């Protein structure tokens, strides 16, 4: 059968939305300067769907750095992979600063978060090893598992007893040259809850494994200094490989892993997504250094982010919404309903109330459920929050039309 003919009949849960809903429910185009006030389809909207937690993407000081660095280096330099001709003093300085920021001995810069963590998992786990991961791990971890040659298993979300059973099983089957890698997240991006890092680290006293934590949403938002979920929970030292991405709080392309020197040396020589890919352009590296510096020197941004988060969350609960018990700025609102209800909520808020939110239904969440995820930023104002709460109040008859009262206010 012809490959292209086969694609026409291959079932894809997102297929109808990426075609019929293109430009609205999927691939929407937010326009104007990055921030809480943008335009969608020519209308002004308050945006709750971008991950620029600290508002650094539109910071005037940062925009000047971006411009100056591009003028000095161009977006082309350096050319080549870092292994060959793409290294620089700026790349190495950024790695030292990232390691210091997250309290680890060394850091390795990665071109992209998604590809980077896939490649890290791929080169750490060989055919004799065991990979154990949380079932709600991000797609990049699941895809990394697909690449890894070792045996993989999954434990129910944040189920420490389930993890321990998987560890016992792995230990019982280990060969002399077998190792175990456990992978979880600092913050789970859809639900906002934290990984059970303290409990997982405690298991290291009983079982021989190393721990990799993807802290994409925790970097910059959690911990007394913004260094993430491990610091927040007091177990950063127990995380063997800390992964952070620039795509959230740093508002940029790129990522890194922070770990022991010997692990960094191994990854430098074996992480294929870095060895065979062009180095991050110098303007991105230069502005990343400046963004990390500003994040560390401006704790009031993180404080404002949390102030906004708590106001929004309390307001939504007060008007009857089921806000999941998130431990991060991620604010998930869950209700019963169909995919059609999910689309209706997004459309009503965007078109009639000037509030841009993103929602998901099956297969991202179980059938019969709708999850609206709001991402507060430090740059949201009380006016933005008030406008949004009024909008959610106004659409309650639509949201809860077929939902029992007890379920709606759970």
Protein backbone atom coordinates (compact mmCIF):
# COMPACT_ATOMS: atom_id res chain seq x y z
CA UNK A 1 0.00 0.00 0.00
CA UNK A 2 1.27 3.46 -0.82
CA UNK A 3 2.52 5.26 2.29
CA UNK A 4 0.61 8.47 1.55
CA UNK A 5 -2.63 6.60 0.86
CA UNK A 6 -2.27 4.84 4.20
CA UNK A 7 -1.90 8.16 6.01
CA UNK A 8 -5.35 9.26 4.86
CA UNK A 9 -6.97 6.42 6.81
CA UNK A 10 -4.72 6.45 9.86
CA UNK A 11 -6.69 7.45 12.96
CA UNK A 12 -5.39 10.49 14.85
CA UNK A 13 -7.23 11.90 17.88
CA UNK A 14 -6.09 15.43 17.01
CA UNK A 15 -6.65 15.06 13.27
CA UNK A 16 -10.03 16.82 13.03
CA UNK A 17 -8.85 19.70 15.21
CA UNK A 18 -5.64 20.33 13.27
CA UNK A 19 -7.64 20.57 10.03
CA UNK A 20 -11.16 21.87 10.73
CA UNK A 21 -10.06 23.82 13.81
CA UNK A 22 -6.82 25.14 12.33
CA UNK A 23 -6.08 28.72 13.29
CA UNK A 24 -8.61 28.77 16.10
CA UNK A 25 -8.59 25.72 18.37
CA UNK A 26 -5.24 24.55 17.09
CA UNK A 27 -2.41 26.69 15.71
CA UNK A 28 -4.03 29.96 16.85
CA UNK A 29 -2.14 33.16 16.07
CA UNK A 30 -1.62 35.52 18.98
CA UNK A 31 -0.32 38.83 17.67
CA UNK A 32 1.24 41.98 19.04
CA UNK A 33 3.92 42.44 21.70
CA UNK A 34 4.34 39.41 23.95
CA UNK A 35 2.48 39.78 27.23
CA UNK A 36 -0.88 39.46 29.00
CA UNK A 37 -2.55 41.81 26.48
CA UNK A 38 -2.41 40.57 22.89
CA UNK A 39 -4.63 40.30 19.83
CA UNK A 40 -6.44 37.24 18.52
CA UNK A 41 -8.39 37.38 15.26
CA UNK A 42 -8.11 41.16 15.41
CA UNK A 43 -9.61 41.42 18.92
CA UNK A 44 -7.92 42.47 22.16
CA UNK A 45 -7.66 39.57 24.60
CA UNK A 46 -6.23 38.88 28.05
CA UNK A 47 -3.93 35.91 27.51
CA UNK A 48 -3.67 32.98 29.96
CA UNK A 49 -2.01 30.50 27.63
CA UNK A 50 1.68 31.37 27.33
CA UNK A 51 4.40 30.17 29.68
CA UNK A 52 6.30 33.44 30.08
CA UNK A 53 5.78 33.12 33.85
CA UNK A 54 7.96 36.06 34.88
CA UNK A 55 7.09 38.34 31.97
CA UNK A 56 10.71 38.40 30.92
CA UNK A 57 9.98 37.91 27.22
CA UNK A 58 8.70 41.46 26.87
CA UNK A 59 11.09 43.05 29.37
CA UNK A 60 12.49 46.26 27.79
CA UNK A 61 15.97 45.62 29.13
CA UNK A 62 15.98 42.13 27.62
CA UNK A 63 14.75 43.37 24.26
CA UNK A 64 17.73 45.74 24.12
CA UNK A 65 20.09 42.85 24.89
CA UNK A 66 18.45 40.77 22.15
CA UNK A 67 18.93 43.54 19.62
CA UNK A 68 22.51 44.34 20.60
CA UNK A 69 23.58 40.68 20.60
CA UNK A 70 22.04 40.05 17.19
CA UNK A 71 23.73 43.17 15.83
CA UNK A 72 27.10 42.05 17.23
CA UNK A 73 27.06 38.36 16.31
CA UNK A 74 24.20 37.76 13.82
CA UNK A 75 21.86 34.78 14.15
CA UNK A 76 24.27 32.62 12.14
CA UNK A 77 27.24 32.50 14.49
CA UNK A 78 28.69 30.18 15.52
CA UNK A 79 28.34 27.81 12.58
CA UNK A 80 28.52 24.08 13.16
CA UNK A 81 27.90 21.74 16.06
CA UNK A 82 29.67 22.60 19.31
CA UNK A 83 31.80 19.46 19.00
CA UNK A 84 33.33 20.79 15.78
CA UNK A 85 33.18 24.57 15.27
CA UNK A 86 30.20 25.81 17.27
CA UNK A 87 31.66 26.38 20.72
CA UNK A 88 32.37 29.78 22.34
CA UNK A 89 33.29 31.44 25.61
CA UNK A 90 29.65 32.57 25.89
CA UNK A 91 28.35 28.99 25.68
CA UNK A 92 30.76 27.86 28.38
CA UNK A 93 29.98 30.85 30.62
CA UNK A 94 26.26 30.15 30.35
CA UNK A 95 26.84 26.54 31.41
CA UNK A 96 28.78 27.65 34.50
CA UNK A 97 26.05 30.13 35.44
CA UNK A 98 23.28 27.57 34.98
CA UNK A 99 25.10 25.06 37.17
CA UNK A 100 25.52 27.68 39.87
CA UNK A 101 21.87 28.72 39.59
CA UNK A 102 20.51 25.21 40.20
CA UNK A 103 23.20 24.21 42.74
CA UNK A 104 24.90 21.52 40.68
CA UNK A 105 28.60 21.01 39.86
CA UNK A 106 28.25 21.16 36.06
CA UNK A 107 25.71 21.93 33.36
CA UNK A 108 25.50 21.02 29.69
CA UNK A 109 23.68 23.34 27.30
CA UNK A 110 21.13 21.74 24.97
CA UNK A 111 19.69 23.17 21.77
CA UNK A 112 16.08 22.24 22.55
CA UNK A 113 14.25 20.87 25.53
CA UNK A 114 12.19 18.22 23.74
CA UNK A 115 15.01 16.82 21.64
CA UNK A 116 17.52 17.34 24.41
CA UNK A 117 15.87 15.21 27.08
CA UNK A 118 15.05 12.51 24.52
CA UNK A 119 18.72 12.37 23.62
CA UNK A 120 19.85 12.35 27.25
CA UNK A 121 17.61 9.39 28.08
CA UNK A 122 18.66 7.62 24.90
CA UNK A 123 22.37 7.80 25.64
CA UNK A 124 22.15 7.12 29.40
CA UNK A 125 20.12 3.91 29.18
CA UNK A 126 21.66 0.90 27.41
CA UNK A 127 20.18 -2.50 26.61
CA UNK A 128 21.03 -3.90 30.06
CA UNK A 129 19.34 -1.09 31.99
CA UNK A 130 15.89 -0.35 33.40
CA UNK A 131 13.98 2.90 32.85
CA UNK A 132 11.08 3.66 35.22
CA UNK A 133 8.92 6.75 34.72
CA UNK A 134 5.75 8.46 35.98
CA UNK A 135 2.70 7.85 33.77
CA UNK A 136 2.01 11.60 33.45
CA UNK A 137 5.52 12.37 32.24
CA UNK A 138 5.71 14.79 29.31
CA UNK A 139 5.67 13.41 25.77
CA UNK A 140 9.40 14.14 25.41
CA UNK A 141 10.14 11.64 28.20
CA UNK A 142 7.83 9.04 26.66
CA UNK A 143 9.55 9.53 23.31
CA UNK A 144 12.93 9.25 25.06
CA UNK A 145 11.73 5.95 26.47
CA UNK A 146 10.97 4.80 22.93
CA UNK A 147 14.55 5.54 21.91
CA UNK A 148 16.17 3.97 24.97
CA UNK A 149 17.34 0.41 24.44
CA UNK A 150 16.73 -0.75 28.01
CA UNK A 151 13.57 -2.22 29.51
CA UNK A 152 11.03 0.43 30.51
CA UNK A 153 8.13 0.39 32.94
CA UNK A 154 5.69 2.99 34.21
CA UNK A 155 4.20 3.73 37.63
CA UNK A 156 0.89 5.44 38.33
CA UNK A 157 1.14 9.17 38.79
CA UNK A 158 2.98 10.04 42.01
CA UNK A 159 2.31 6.52 43.33
CA UNK A 160 5.36 5.85 45.48
CA UNK A 161 4.23 2.32 46.35
CA UNK A 162 3.86 1.63 42.63
CA UNK A 163 7.33 3.02 41.98
CA UNK A 164 8.76 0.85 44.74
CA UNK A 165 7.20 -2.24 43.19
CA UNK A 166 8.81 -1.39 39.86
CA UNK A 167 12.15 -0.85 41.60
CA UNK A 168 11.88 -4.21 43.35
CA UNK A 169 11.10 -5.88 40.04
CA UNK A 170 14.05 -4.19 38.32
CA UNK A 171 16.47 -5.06 41.13
CA UNK A 172 15.39 -8.70 41.03
CA UNK A 173 16.23 -8.86 37.32
CA UNK A 174 19.45 -6.87 37.29
CA UNK A 175 22.61 -8.27 35.75
CA UNK A 176 26.07 -7.27 37.01
CA UNK A 177 26.20 -4.49 34.40
CA UNK A 178 22.58 -3.29 34.79
CA UNK A 179 21.56 0.12 36.08
CA UNK A 180 18.25 1.81 36.91
CA UNK A 181 17.12 5.30 35.89
CA UNK A 182 13.96 6.79 37.42
CA UNK A 183 12.43 9.73 35.57
CA UNK A 184 9.77 12.12 36.84
CA UNK A 185 8.87 15.80 36.68
CA UNK A 186 9.35 18.64 39.13
CA UNK A 187 6.03 20.16 38.04
CA UNK A 188 3.50 18.27 35.93
CA UNK A 189 2.53 20.77 33.26
CA UNK A 190 -1.16 19.97 32.83
CA UNK A 191 -2.18 19.43 36.45
CA UNK A 192 0.35 21.69 38.20
CA UNK A 193 1.13 19.25 41.02
CA UNK A 194 4.72 18.52 42.02
CA UNK A 195 6.50 15.22 41.62
CA UNK A 196 6.97 13.28 44.87
CA UNK A 197 10.65 14.13 44.83
CA UNK A 198 11.23 13.87 48.56
CA UNK A 199 9.70 10.40 48.71
CA UNK A 200 11.54 9.25 45.56
CA UNK A 201 14.88 10.49 46.87
CA UNK A 202 14.22 8.63 50.14
CA UNK A 203 13.91 5.38 48.15
CA UNK A 204 17.55 5.76 47.10
CA UNK A 205 18.48 4.49 50.57
CA UNK A 206 16.84 1.15 49.71
CA UNK A 207 17.37 0.75 45.96
CA UNK A 208 20.30 1.45 43.60
CA UNK A 209 18.97 3.96 41.07
CA UNK A 210 19.70 7.39 39.67
CA UNK A 211 17.04 10.11 39.40
CA UNK A 212 16.39 12.38 36.40
CA UNK A 213 13.93 15.25 37.00
CA UNK A 214 12.39 17.31 34.21
CA UNK A 215 11.71 20.66 35.89
CA UNK A 216 10.55 22.68 32.89
CA UNK A 217 7.78 24.46 34.82
CA UNK A 218 9.65 24.65 38.14
CA UNK A 219 12.73 26.53 36.97
CA UNK A 220 12.24 30.21 37.78
CA UNK A 221 8.94 29.72 39.63
CA UNK A 222 9.77 27.51 42.62
CA UNK A 223 12.35 27.55 45.39
CA UNK A 224 13.51 30.44 47.53
CA UNK A 225 15.84 31.52 44.71
CA UNK A 226 13.89 30.28 41.69
CA UNK A 227 16.09 27.23 41.23
CA UNK A 228 13.16 24.87 40.98
CA UNK A 229 11.15 22.09 42.54
CA UNK A 230 14.12 20.29 44.06
CA UNK A 231 15.04 23.37 46.05
CA UNK A 232 11.40 23.97 46.93
CA UNK A 233 11.18 20.48 48.41
CA UNK A 234 14.65 20.49 49.95
CA UNK A 235 16.00 17.60 47.88
CA UNK A 236 18.02 19.22 45.10
CA UNK A 237 21.11 17.28 46.20
CA UNK A 238 19.19 14.03 45.73
CA UNK A 239 18.45 14.78 42.07
CA UNK A 240 21.23 13.19 40.03
CA UNK A 241 20.33 14.81 36.70
CA UNK A 242 18.39 18.06 36.75
CA UNK A 243 16.81 19.11 33.46
CA UNK A 244 15.62 22.66 32.84
CA UNK A 245 14.25 24.31 29.73
CA UNK A 246 14.36 27.95 28.63
CA UNK A 247 10.91 27.64 27.05
CA UNK A 248 8.99 28.70 30.18
CA UNK A 249 10.36 31.23 32.68
CA UNK A 250 13.35 32.16 30.52
CA UNK A 251 11.05 32.70 27.49
CA UNK A 252 13.60 31.43 25.00
CA UNK A 253 14.75 28.45 22.96
CA UNK A 254 17.20 26.06 24.59
CA UNK A 255 17.64 23.84 27.64
CA UNK A 256 20.25 22.25 29.87
CA UNK A 257 21.05 19.34 32.14
CA UNK A 258 22.94 19.86 35.38
CA UNK A 259 24.79 16.97 36.97
CA UNK A 260 28.17 15.54 37.99
CA UNK A 261 31.27 16.33 35.86
CA UNK A 262 31.70 12.70 34.74
CA UNK A 263 28.11 12.57 33.50
CA UNK A 264 28.49 15.84 31.62
CA UNK A 265 31.65 14.50 29.94
CA UNK A 266 29.77 11.38 28.85
CA UNK A 267 26.83 13.37 27.50
CA UNK A 268 29.12 15.74 25.60
CA UNK A 269 30.47 12.77 23.67
CA UNK A 270 27.25 10.78 23.28
CA UNK A 271 24.15 13.03 23.13
CA UNK A 272 23.40 12.68 19.44
CA UNK A 273 20.92 15.57 19.26
CA UNK A 274 23.79 17.89 20.23
CA UNK A 275 26.71 16.22 18.43
CA UNK A 276 24.94 16.28 15.09
CA UNK A 277 23.09 19.61 15.33
CA UNK A 278 24.10 23.22 14.89
CA UNK A 279 25.08 25.06 18.05
CA UNK A 280 22.70 27.55 19.66
CA UNK A 281 23.24 30.95 17.98
CA UNK A 282 25.28 33.40 20.02
CA UNK A 283 22.49 35.99 20.43
CA UNK A 284 20.36 33.32 22.13
CA UNK A 285 23.22 32.33 24.41
CA UNK A 286 24.03 35.95 25.30
CA UNK A 287 20.41 36.83 26.09
CA UNK A 288 19.98 33.59 28.05
CA UNK A 289 22.84 34.66 30.31
CA UNK A 290 21.21 38.03 30.87
CA UNK A 291 17.78 36.50 31.50
CA UNK A 292 19.16 34.10 34.10
CA UNK A 293 20.93 37.01 35.79
CA UNK A 294 17.74 39.07 35.92
CA UNK A 295 15.68 36.15 37.24
CA UNK A 296 18.17 35.67 40.06
CA UNK A 297 18.35 39.38 40.88
CA UNK A 298 14.60 40.08 40.79
CA UNK A 299 12.80 37.80 43.26
CA UNK A 300 9.88 40.27 43.24
CA UNK A 301 8.90 38.90 39.83
CA UNK A 302 8.40 35.45 41.32
CA UNK A 303 6.55 36.96 44.29
CA UNK A 304 4.20 38.82 41.94
CA UNK A 305 3.63 35.66 39.91
CA UNK A 306 2.52 33.82 43.04
CA UNK A 307 0.36 36.74 44.19
CA UNK A 308 -1.46 36.66 40.85
CA UNK A 309 -1.73 32.87 40.94
CA UNK A 310 -3.37 32.81 44.34
CA UNK A 311 -5.79 35.65 43.48
CA UNK A 312 -6.88 33.92 40.30
CA UNK A 313 -7.19 30.53 41.96
CA UNK A 314 -9.16 31.82 44.95
CA UNK A 315 -11.46 33.82 42.69
CA UNK A 316 -12.26 30.83 40.48
CA UNK A 317 -13.02 28.67 43.50
CA UNK A 318 -15.22 31.36 45.04
CA UNK A 319 -17.45 31.43 41.97
CA UNK A 320 -17.84 27.66 41.97
CA UNK A 321 -15.13 26.18 39.78
CA UNK A 322 -13.21 23.02 40.54
CA UNK A 323 -9.58 24.18 40.55
CA UNK A 324 -7.26 21.21 40.94
CA UNK A 325 -4.88 21.39 43.92
CA UNK A 326 -1.91 22.67 41.95
CA UNK A 327 1.32 23.35 43.83
CA UNK A 328 2.73 25.56 41.06
CA UNK A 329 1.46 28.58 39.11
CA UNK A 330 -0.26 26.22 36.65
CA UNK A 331 -3.99 26.69 37.34
CA UNK A 332 -6.12 23.81 35.98
CA UNK A 333 -9.92 24.06 36.01
CA UNK A 334 -11.64 20.69 35.61
CA UNK A 335 -15.27 20.05 34.74
CA UNK A 336 -17.39 17.31 33.24
CA UNK A 337 -18.18 17.62 29.56
CA UNK A 338 -17.46 16.72 25.97
CA UNK A 339 -14.93 17.93 23.44
CA UNK A 340 -17.69 20.17 22.10
CA UNK A 341 -18.05 21.81 25.52
CA UNK A 342 -14.29 22.39 25.62
CA UNK A 343 -14.44 24.20 22.28
CA UNK A 344 -17.52 26.16 23.37
CA UNK A 345 -15.79 27.42 26.51
CA UNK A 346 -12.77 28.60 24.56
CA UNK A 347 -14.92 30.25 21.90
CA UNK A 348 -17.23 32.00 24.40
CA UNK A 349 -14.36 33.41 26.43
CA UNK A 350 -12.41 34.55 23.40
CA UNK A 351 -15.24 36.01 21.34
CA UNK A 352 -17.60 37.44 23.95
CA UNK A 353 -15.36 38.32 26.89
CA UNK A 354 -11.90 38.96 25.45
CA UNK A 355 -10.24 36.21 27.50
CA UNK A 356 -7.92 33.78 25.73
CA UNK A 357 -7.61 30.37 27.41
CA UNK A 358 -6.62 26.94 26.17
CA UNK A 359 -8.59 23.81 26.93
CA UNK A 360 -8.10 20.09 26.44
CA UNK A 361 -10.42 17.12 26.30
CA UNK A 362 -9.94 13.44 25.44
CA UNK A 363 -7.34 11.99 24.76
CA UNK A 364 -5.33 14.45 26.89
CA UNK A 365 -7.75 13.94 29.81
CA UNK A 366 -10.19 11.05 30.37
CA UNK A 367 -13.36 10.86 28.32
CA UNK A 368 -16.16 12.99 29.70
CA UNK A 369 -13.83 15.58 31.24
CA UNK A 370 -12.70 19.04 30.15
CA UNK A 371 -9.64 20.78 31.52
CA UNK A 372 -9.08 24.51 31.07
CA UNK A 373 -5.48 25.40 31.94
CA UNK A 374 -4.64 28.98 32.90
CA UNK A 375 -1.03 30.15 33.14
CA UNK A 376 -0.63 33.27 35.30
CA UNK A 377 2.26 35.63 34.68
CA UNK A 378 3.96 38.21 36.87
CA UNK A 379 2.79 40.85 34.39
CA UNK A 380 -0.92 40.14 34.81
CA UNK A 381 -2.69 42.92 36.73
CA UNK A 382 -5.62 42.93 39.12
CA UNK A 383 -7.71 44.27 36.23
CA UNK A 384 -6.79 41.26 34.09
CA UNK A 385 -7.75 38.90 36.91
CA UNK A 386 -11.03 40.71 37.61
CA UNK A 387 -11.99 40.69 33.92
CA UNK A 388 -11.25 36.98 33.70
CA UNK A 389 -13.23 36.09 36.82
CA UNK A 390 -16.23 38.04 35.53
CA UNK A 391 -16.00 36.12 32.27
CA UNK A 392 -15.90 32.76 34.04
CA UNK A 393 -18.84 33.82 36.18
CA UNK A 394 -20.81 34.74 33.05
CA UNK A 395 -20.26 31.39 31.29
CA UNK A 396 -21.21 29.22 34.28
CA UNK A 397 -24.62 28.33 32.81
CA UNK A 398 -22.82 26.92 29.75
CA UNK A 399 -20.08 25.12 31.68
CA UNK A 400 -22.36 23.54 34.28
CA UNK A 401 -25.48 23.06 32.16
CA UNK A 402 -25.35 19.25 32.41
CA UNK A 403 -23.10 18.88 35.44
CA UNK A 404 -24.60 17.85 38.82
CA UNK A 405 -24.17 20.65 41.38
CA UNK A 406 -21.99 18.49 43.65
CA UNK A 407 -19.59 17.70 40.79
CA UNK A 408 -19.41 21.31 39.65
CA UNK A 409 -18.28 22.59 43.02
CA UNK A 410 -16.15 19.63 44.12
